[in-house]
Amino acid sequence: MNRFPLGILLLCLALGSGCAVGPSPIPEALLSQIDKSVSFAQLLENPDAHVGKVVVLGGQVLQATRLADATRIEVLQLPLGDSEKPVSQRTSSQGRFLAFEKTFLDPATLSDQPQVTIVGEVTGLATASLDETEYRYPTIAIKHMHVWDTHAQDQQQGFGVGLGIGGGGFGGGIGIGTGF
């Protein structure tokens, strides 16, 4: 076999591995604390039954408000997909939750409504107006929040590397392609 196609194959594999999913957005020290048996539907139905449990939730920030002793973040829950990243389809949401950050967090840093993955302790329930109804929000005290970079996502979307090697019959060839 000609060494040229093998070299190209190795180059493409190296380029492709650079696009692999990165490390988890959840610190390793918190992984053992998470109770994966608690679903968002269960939390929404009866938050008080899960007070004190550590959960991982994801979604899109709808609003952040600075309070006297914390920052309140209203999140549209979205199921977590690959790498604990929320899915982008908002119709997949099962509801909303409130997450509270005790250390200073400027609401302006979340004003572009980014997607977040939050590890937090369930603290109970808050009731507040949502349009013309009273809405029951499960509440979470943030232990760790990963804010997904929307600009990096836009740049990575649709990237691919392809390699084709043909032979036999009336001819052969090599094709290499990239797409963005």
C-alpha atoms as a PDB file:
ATOM      1  CA  MET A   1       0.000   0.000   0.000  1.00  0.00           C
ATOM      2  CA  ASN A   2       1.215   3.481  -0.829  1.00  0.00           C
ATOM      3  CA  ARG A   3       2.332   5.483   2.264  1.00  0.00           C
ATOM      4  CA  PHE A   4       0.672   8.664   0.988  1.00  0.00           C
ATOM      5  CA  PRO A   5      -2.937   7.583   1.716  1.00  0.00           C
ATOM      6  CA  LEU A   6      -1.931   6.236   5.126  1.00  0.00           C
ATOM      7  CA  GLY A   7      -0.370   9.606   6.023  1.00  0.00           C
ATOM      8  CA  ILE A   8      -3.514  11.418   4.932  1.00  0.00           C
ATOM      9  CA  LEU A   9      -5.646   9.026   6.944  1.00  0.00           C
ATOM     10  CA  LEU A  10      -3.537   9.673  10.061  1.00  0.00           C
ATOM     11  CA  LEU A  11      -3.775  13.434   9.482  1.00  0.00           C
ATOM     12  CA  CYS A  12      -7.564  13.272   9.203  1.00  0.00           C
ATOM     13  CA  LEU A  13      -7.819  11.170  12.359  1.00  0.00           C
ATOM     14  CA  ALA A  14      -5.675  13.699  14.209  1.00  0.00           C
ATOM     15  CA  LEU A  15      -7.834  16.581  12.963  1.00  0.00           C
ATOM     16  CA  GLY A  16     -11.006  14.701  13.834  1.00  0.00           C
ATOM     17  CA  SER A  17      -9.852  13.985  17.370  1.00  0.00           C
ATOM     18  CA  GLY A  18      -9.430  17.722  17.911  1.00  0.00           C
ATOM     19  CA  CYS A  19     -13.176  18.047  17.456  1.00  0.00           C
ATOM     20  CA  ALA A  20     -13.979  15.442  20.082  1.00  0.00           C
ATOM     21  CA  VAL A  21     -16.172  16.347  23.005  1.00  0.00           C
ATOM     22  CA  GLY A  22     -14.222  18.089  25.754  1.00  0.00           C
ATOM     23  CA  PRO A  23     -14.116  17.363  29.448  1.00  0.00           C
ATOM     24  CA  SER A  24     -17.259  17.291  31.558  1.00  0.00           C
ATOM     25  CA  PRO A  25     -18.639  20.669  32.661  1.00  0.00           C
ATOM     26  CA  ILE A  26     -19.181  19.148  36.109  1.00  0.00           C
ATOM     27  CA  PRO A  27     -16.222  19.164  38.508  1.00  0.00           C
ATOM     28  CA  GLU A  28     -15.131  15.659  39.416  1.00  0.00           C
ATOM     29  CA  ALA A  29     -15.457  16.436  43.138  1.00  0.00           C
ATOM     30  CA  LEU A  30     -19.230  16.965  42.699  1.00  0.00           C
ATOM     31  CA  LEU A  31     -19.980  13.873  40.587  1.00  0.00           C
ATOM     32  CA  SER A  32     -20.300  11.539  43.579  1.00  0.00           C
ATOM     33  CA  GLN A  33     -22.730  13.946  45.311  1.00  0.00           C
ATOM     34  CA  ILE A  34     -25.288  14.035  42.471  1.00  0.00           C
ATOM     35  CA  ASP A  35     -28.483  12.028  42.928  1.00  0.00           C
ATOM     36  CA  LYS A  36     -29.219  10.971  39.349  1.00  0.00           C
ATOM     37  CA  SER A  37     -32.439   9.237  40.405  1.00  0.00           C
ATOM     38  CA  VAL A  38     -34.244  12.602  40.755  1.00  0.00           C
ATOM     39  CA  SER A  39     -35.794  13.675  37.463  1.00  0.00           C
ATOM     40  CA  PHE A  40     -36.885  17.219  36.738  1.00  0.00           C
ATOM     41  CA  ALA A  41     -40.516  16.004  36.496  1.00  0.00           C
ATOM     42  CA  GLN A  42     -40.265  14.606  40.055  1.00  0.00           C
ATOM     43  CA  LEU A  43     -38.651  17.810  41.267  1.00  0.00           C
ATOM     44  CA  LEU A  44     -41.364  19.921  39.656  1.00  0.00           C
ATOM     45  CA  GLU A  45     -44.130  17.764  41.125  1.00  0.00           C
ATOM     46  CA  ASN A  46     -42.845  17.754  44.713  1.00  0.00           C
ATOM     47  CA  PRO A  47     -39.710  19.830  45.374  1.00  0.00           C
ATOM     48  CA  ASP A  48     -40.041  19.508  49.164  1.00  0.00           C
ATOM     49  CA  ALA A  49     -39.569  15.718  48.918  1.00  0.00           C
ATOM     50  CA  HIS A  50     -36.097  16.289  47.459  1.00  0.00           C
ATOM     51  CA  VAL A  51     -34.779  19.090  49.713  1.00  0.00           C
ATOM     52  CA  GLY A  52     -31.091  18.553  50.439  1.00  0.00           C
ATOM     53  CA  LYS A  53     -30.463  16.352  47.406  1.00  0.00           C
ATOM     54  CA  VAL A  54     -27.846  17.433  44.890  1.00  0.00           C
ATOM     55  CA  VAL A  55     -29.066  17.387  41.296  1.00  0.00           C
ATOM     56  CA  VAL A  56     -27.765  18.386  37.887  1.00  0.00           C
ATOM     57  CA  LEU A  57     -30.126  20.449  35.736  1.00  0.00           C
ATOM     58  CA  GLY A  58     -29.736  22.293  32.492  1.00  0.00           C
ATOM     59  CA  GLY A  59     -31.531  24.909  30.527  1.00  0.00           C
ATOM     60  CA  GLN A  60     -31.561  28.400  29.125  1.00  0.00           C
ATOM     61  CA  VAL A  61     -31.283  31.466  31.331  1.00  0.00           C
ATOM     62  CA  LEU A  62     -34.416  33.578  30.982  1.00  0.00           C
ATOM     63  CA  GLN A  63     -33.620  36.243  33.555  1.00  0.00           C
ATOM     64  CA  ALA A  64     -31.066  37.011  36.252  1.00  0.00           C
ATOM     65  CA  THR A  65     -31.794  39.396  39.108  1.00  0.00           C
ATOM     66  CA  ARG A  66     -29.430  40.638  41.797  1.00  0.00           C
ATOM     67  CA  LEU A  67     -30.977  40.380  45.266  1.00  0.00           C
ATOM     68  CA  ALA A  68     -29.586  41.685  48.581  1.00  0.00           C
ATOM     69  CA  ASP A  69     -27.807  38.403  49.384  1.00  0.00           C
ATOM     70  CA  ALA A  70     -27.770  36.381  46.142  1.00  0.00           C
ATOM     71  CA  THR A  71     -28.387  36.386  42.415  1.00  0.00           C
ATOM     72  CA  ARG A  72     -31.636  34.712  41.344  1.00  0.00           C
ATOM     73  CA  ILE A  73     -31.500  33.004  37.953  1.00  0.00           C
ATOM     74  CA  GLU A  74     -34.722  31.932  36.264  1.00  0.00           C
ATOM     75  CA  VAL A  75     -33.994  28.984  33.976  1.00  0.00           C
ATOM     76  CA  LEU A  76     -36.133  27.329  31.314  1.00  0.00           C
ATOM     77  CA  GLN A  77     -35.332  23.667  31.989  1.00  0.00           C
ATOM     78  CA  LEU A  78     -34.016  21.708  29.016  1.00  0.00           C
ATOM     79  CA  PRO A  79     -33.019  18.037  29.071  1.00  0.00           C
ATOM     80  CA  LEU A  80     -29.293  17.376  29.147  1.00  0.00           C
ATOM     81  CA  GLY A  81     -27.754  15.742  26.111  1.00  0.00           C
ATOM     82  CA  ASP A  82     -24.217  14.805  25.220  1.00  0.00           C
ATOM     83  CA  SER A  83     -21.574  16.068  27.632  1.00  0.00           C
ATOM     84  CA  GLU A  84     -24.258  17.327  30.045  1.00  0.00           C
ATOM     85  CA  LYS A  85     -25.114  20.143  27.609  1.00  0.00           C
ATOM     86  CA  PRO A  86     -28.766  21.203  27.395  1.00  0.00           C
ATOM     87  CA  VAL A  87     -30.524  20.362  24.148  1.00  0.00           C
ATOM     88  CA  SER A  88     -31.332  23.409  22.042  1.00  0.00           C
ATOM     89  CA  GLN A  89     -34.986  22.595  21.310  1.00  0.00           C
ATOM     90  CA  ARG A  90     -36.985  24.755  23.725  1.00  0.00           C
ATOM     91  CA  THR A  91     -40.141  22.687  23.173  1.00  0.00           C
ATOM     92  CA  SER A  92     -38.376  19.864  25.078  1.00  0.00           C
ATOM     93  CA  SER A  93     -38.694  21.872  28.292  1.00  0.00           C
ATOM     94  CA  GLN A  94     -40.716  20.497  31.199  1.00  0.00           C
ATOM     95  CA  GLY A  95     -40.893  23.814  33.022  1.00  0.00           C
ATOM     96  CA  ARG A  96     -38.810  26.372  34.877  1.00  0.00           C
ATOM     97  CA  PHE A  97     -36.705  26.504  37.999  1.00  0.00           C
ATOM     98  CA  LEU A  98     -34.943  29.148  40.075  1.00  0.00           C
ATOM     99  CA  ALA A  99     -31.256  28.842  40.883  1.00  0.00           C
ATOM    100  CA  PHE A 100     -29.598  31.015  43.527  1.00  0.00           C
ATOM    101  CA  GLU A 101     -25.919  31.992  43.561  1.00  0.00           C
ATOM    102  CA  LYS A 102     -24.742  33.290  46.959  1.00  0.00           C
ATOM    103  CA  THR A 103     -21.465  34.788  45.728  1.00  0.00           C
ATOM    104  CA  PHE A 104     -21.647  37.947  43.667  1.00  0.00           C
ATOM    105  CA  LEU A 105     -22.761  37.286  40.105  1.00  0.00           C
ATOM    106  CA  ASP A 106     -23.514  40.275  37.901  1.00  0.00           C
ATOM    107  CA  PRO A 107     -26.790  39.629  36.010  1.00  0.00           C
ATOM    108  CA  ALA A 108     -25.302  41.397  32.977  1.00  0.00           C
ATOM    109  CA  THR A 109     -23.016  38.392  32.455  1.00  0.00           C
ATOM    110  CA  LEU A 110     -26.108  36.291  31.687  1.00  0.00           C
ATOM    111  CA  SER A 111     -28.058  38.884  29.680  1.00  0.00           C
ATOM    112  CA  ASP A 112     -27.658  37.055  26.350  1.00  0.00           C
ATOM    113  CA  GLN A 113     -29.703  34.126  27.763  1.00  0.00           C
ATOM    114  CA  PRO A 114     -26.994  31.455  27.552  1.00  0.00           C
ATOM    115  CA  GLN A 115     -27.491  27.760  28.114  1.00  0.00           C
ATOM    116  CA  VAL A 116     -26.283  26.516  31.500  1.00  0.00           C
ATOM    117  CA  THR A 117     -25.632  23.262  33.293  1.00  0.00           C
ATOM    118  CA  ILE A 118     -26.108  23.619  37.040  1.00  0.00           C
ATOM    119  CA  VAL A 119     -25.171  21.321  39.898  1.00  0.00           C
ATOM    120  CA  GLY A 120     -27.100  22.407  42.943  1.00  0.00           C
ATOM    121  CA  GLU A 121     -28.794  21.462  46.163  1.00  0.00           C
ATOM    122  CA  VAL A 122     -32.594  21.407  46.157  1.00  0.00           C
ATOM    123  CA  THR A 123     -33.858  24.005  48.637  1.00  0.00           C
ATOM    124  CA  GLY A 124     -37.616  23.804  48.111  1.00  0.00           C
ATOM    125  CA  LEU A 125     -40.256  25.760  46.291  1.00  0.00           C
ATOM    126  CA  ALA A 126     -41.000  29.378  45.419  1.00  0.00           C
ATOM    127  CA  THR A 127     -44.261  30.659  44.020  1.00  0.00           C
ATOM    128  CA  ALA A 128     -44.263  33.698  41.752  1.00  0.00           C
ATOM    129  CA  SER A 129     -46.330  35.262  38.994  1.00  0.00           C
ATOM    130  CA  LEU A 130     -45.739  34.021  35.483  1.00  0.00           C
ATOM    131  CA  ASP A 131     -47.803  36.060  33.064  1.00  0.00           C
ATOM    132  CA  GLU A 132     -51.309  35.843  34.541  1.00  0.00           C
ATOM    133  CA  THR A 133     -50.847  32.745  36.710  1.00  0.00           C
ATOM    134  CA  GLU A 134     -49.049  31.689  39.876  1.00  0.00           C
ATOM    135  CA  TYR A 135     -46.171  29.370  38.994  1.00  0.00           C
ATOM    136  CA  ARG A 136     -44.437  26.871  41.325  1.00  0.00           C
ATOM    137  CA  TYR A 137     -40.673  27.014  40.835  1.00  0.00           C
ATOM    138  CA  PRO A 138     -38.377  24.350  42.297  1.00  0.00           C
ATOM    139  CA  THR A 139     -35.430  26.194  43.879  1.00  0.00           C
ATOM    140  CA  ILE A 140     -31.769  25.220  43.732  1.00  0.00           C
ATOM    141  CA  ALA A 141     -28.728  26.563  45.608  1.00  0.00           C
ATOM    142  CA  ILE A 142     -25.919  26.558  43.042  1.00  0.00           C
ATOM    143  CA  LYS A 143     -22.829  24.515  43.853  1.00  0.00           C
ATOM    144  CA  HIS A 144     -21.433  24.840  40.319  1.00  0.00           C
ATOM    145  CA  MET A 145     -22.719  26.491  37.158  1.00  0.00           C
ATOM    146  CA  HIS A 146     -21.252  25.966  33.704  1.00  0.00           C
ATOM    147  CA  VAL A 147     -22.234  28.653  31.184  1.00  0.00           C
ATOM    148  CA  TRP A 148     -22.015  27.301  27.637  1.00  0.00           C
ATOM    149  CA  ASP A 149     -20.244  29.551  25.147  1.00  0.00           C
ATOM    150  CA  THR A 150     -22.789  30.246  22.398  1.00  0.00           C
ATOM    151  CA  HIS A 151     -20.135  31.746  20.100  1.00  0.00           C
ATOM    152  CA  ALA A 152     -17.965  28.615  20.248  1.00  0.00           C
ATOM    153  CA  GLN A 153     -21.047  26.513  19.488  1.00  0.00           C
ATOM    154  CA  ASP A 154     -21.814  28.600  16.399  1.00  0.00           C
ATOM    155  CA  GLN A 155     -18.253  28.203  15.157  1.00  0.00           C
ATOM    156  CA  GLN A 156     -18.168  24.422  15.690  1.00  0.00           C
ATOM    157  CA  GLN A 157     -21.575  23.671  14.272  1.00  0.00           C
ATOM    158  CA  GLY A 158     -21.388  21.714  11.034  1.00  0.00           C
ATOM    159  CA  PHE A 159     -17.654  21.050  11.028  1.00  0.00           C
ATOM    160  CA  GLY A 160     -16.611  17.769   9.506  1.00  0.00           C
ATOM    161  CA  VAL A 161     -13.651  16.002   7.942  1.00  0.00           C
ATOM    162  CA  GLY A 162     -14.009  13.290   5.347  1.00  0.00           C
ATOM    163  CA  LEU A 163     -11.641  10.934   3.575  1.00  0.00           C
ATOM    164  CA  GLY A 164     -12.313   8.581   0.709  1.00  0.00           C
ATOM    165  CA  ILE A 165      -9.967   6.101  -0.948  1.00  0.00           C
ATOM    166  CA  GLY A 166     -11.018   4.211  -4.032  1.00  0.00           C
ATOM    167  CA  GLY A 167      -9.305   1.652  -6.195  1.00  0.00           C
ATOM    168  CA  GLY A 168      -9.695  -1.278  -8.520  1.00  0.00           C
ATOM    169  CA  GLY A 169     -11.648  -1.423 -11.728  1.00  0.00           C
ATOM    170  CA  PHE A 170     -10.809   1.328 -14.189  1.00  0.00           C
ATOM    171  CA  GLY A 171      -9.036   3.639 -11.762  1.00  0.00           C
ATOM    172  CA  GLY A 172      -8.684   4.787  -8.243  1.00  0.00           C
ATOM    173  CA  GLY A 173      -8.330   7.959  -6.335  1.00  0.00           C
ATOM    174  CA  ILE A 174      -8.165   9.747  -3.068  1.00  0.00           C
ATOM    175  CA  GLY A 175     -10.574  12.423  -1.910  1.00  0.00           C
ATOM    176  CA  ILE A 176     -10.282  14.631   1.126  1.00  0.00           C
ATOM    177  CA  GLY A 177     -12.872  17.156   2.181  1.00  0.00           C
ATOM    178  CA  THR A 178     -13.667  19.494   4.995  1.00  0.00           C
ATOM    179  CA  GLY A 179     -16.849  21.357   5.647  1.00  0.00           C
ATOM    180  CA  PHE A 180     -17.869  24.221   7.869  1.00  0.00           C
END
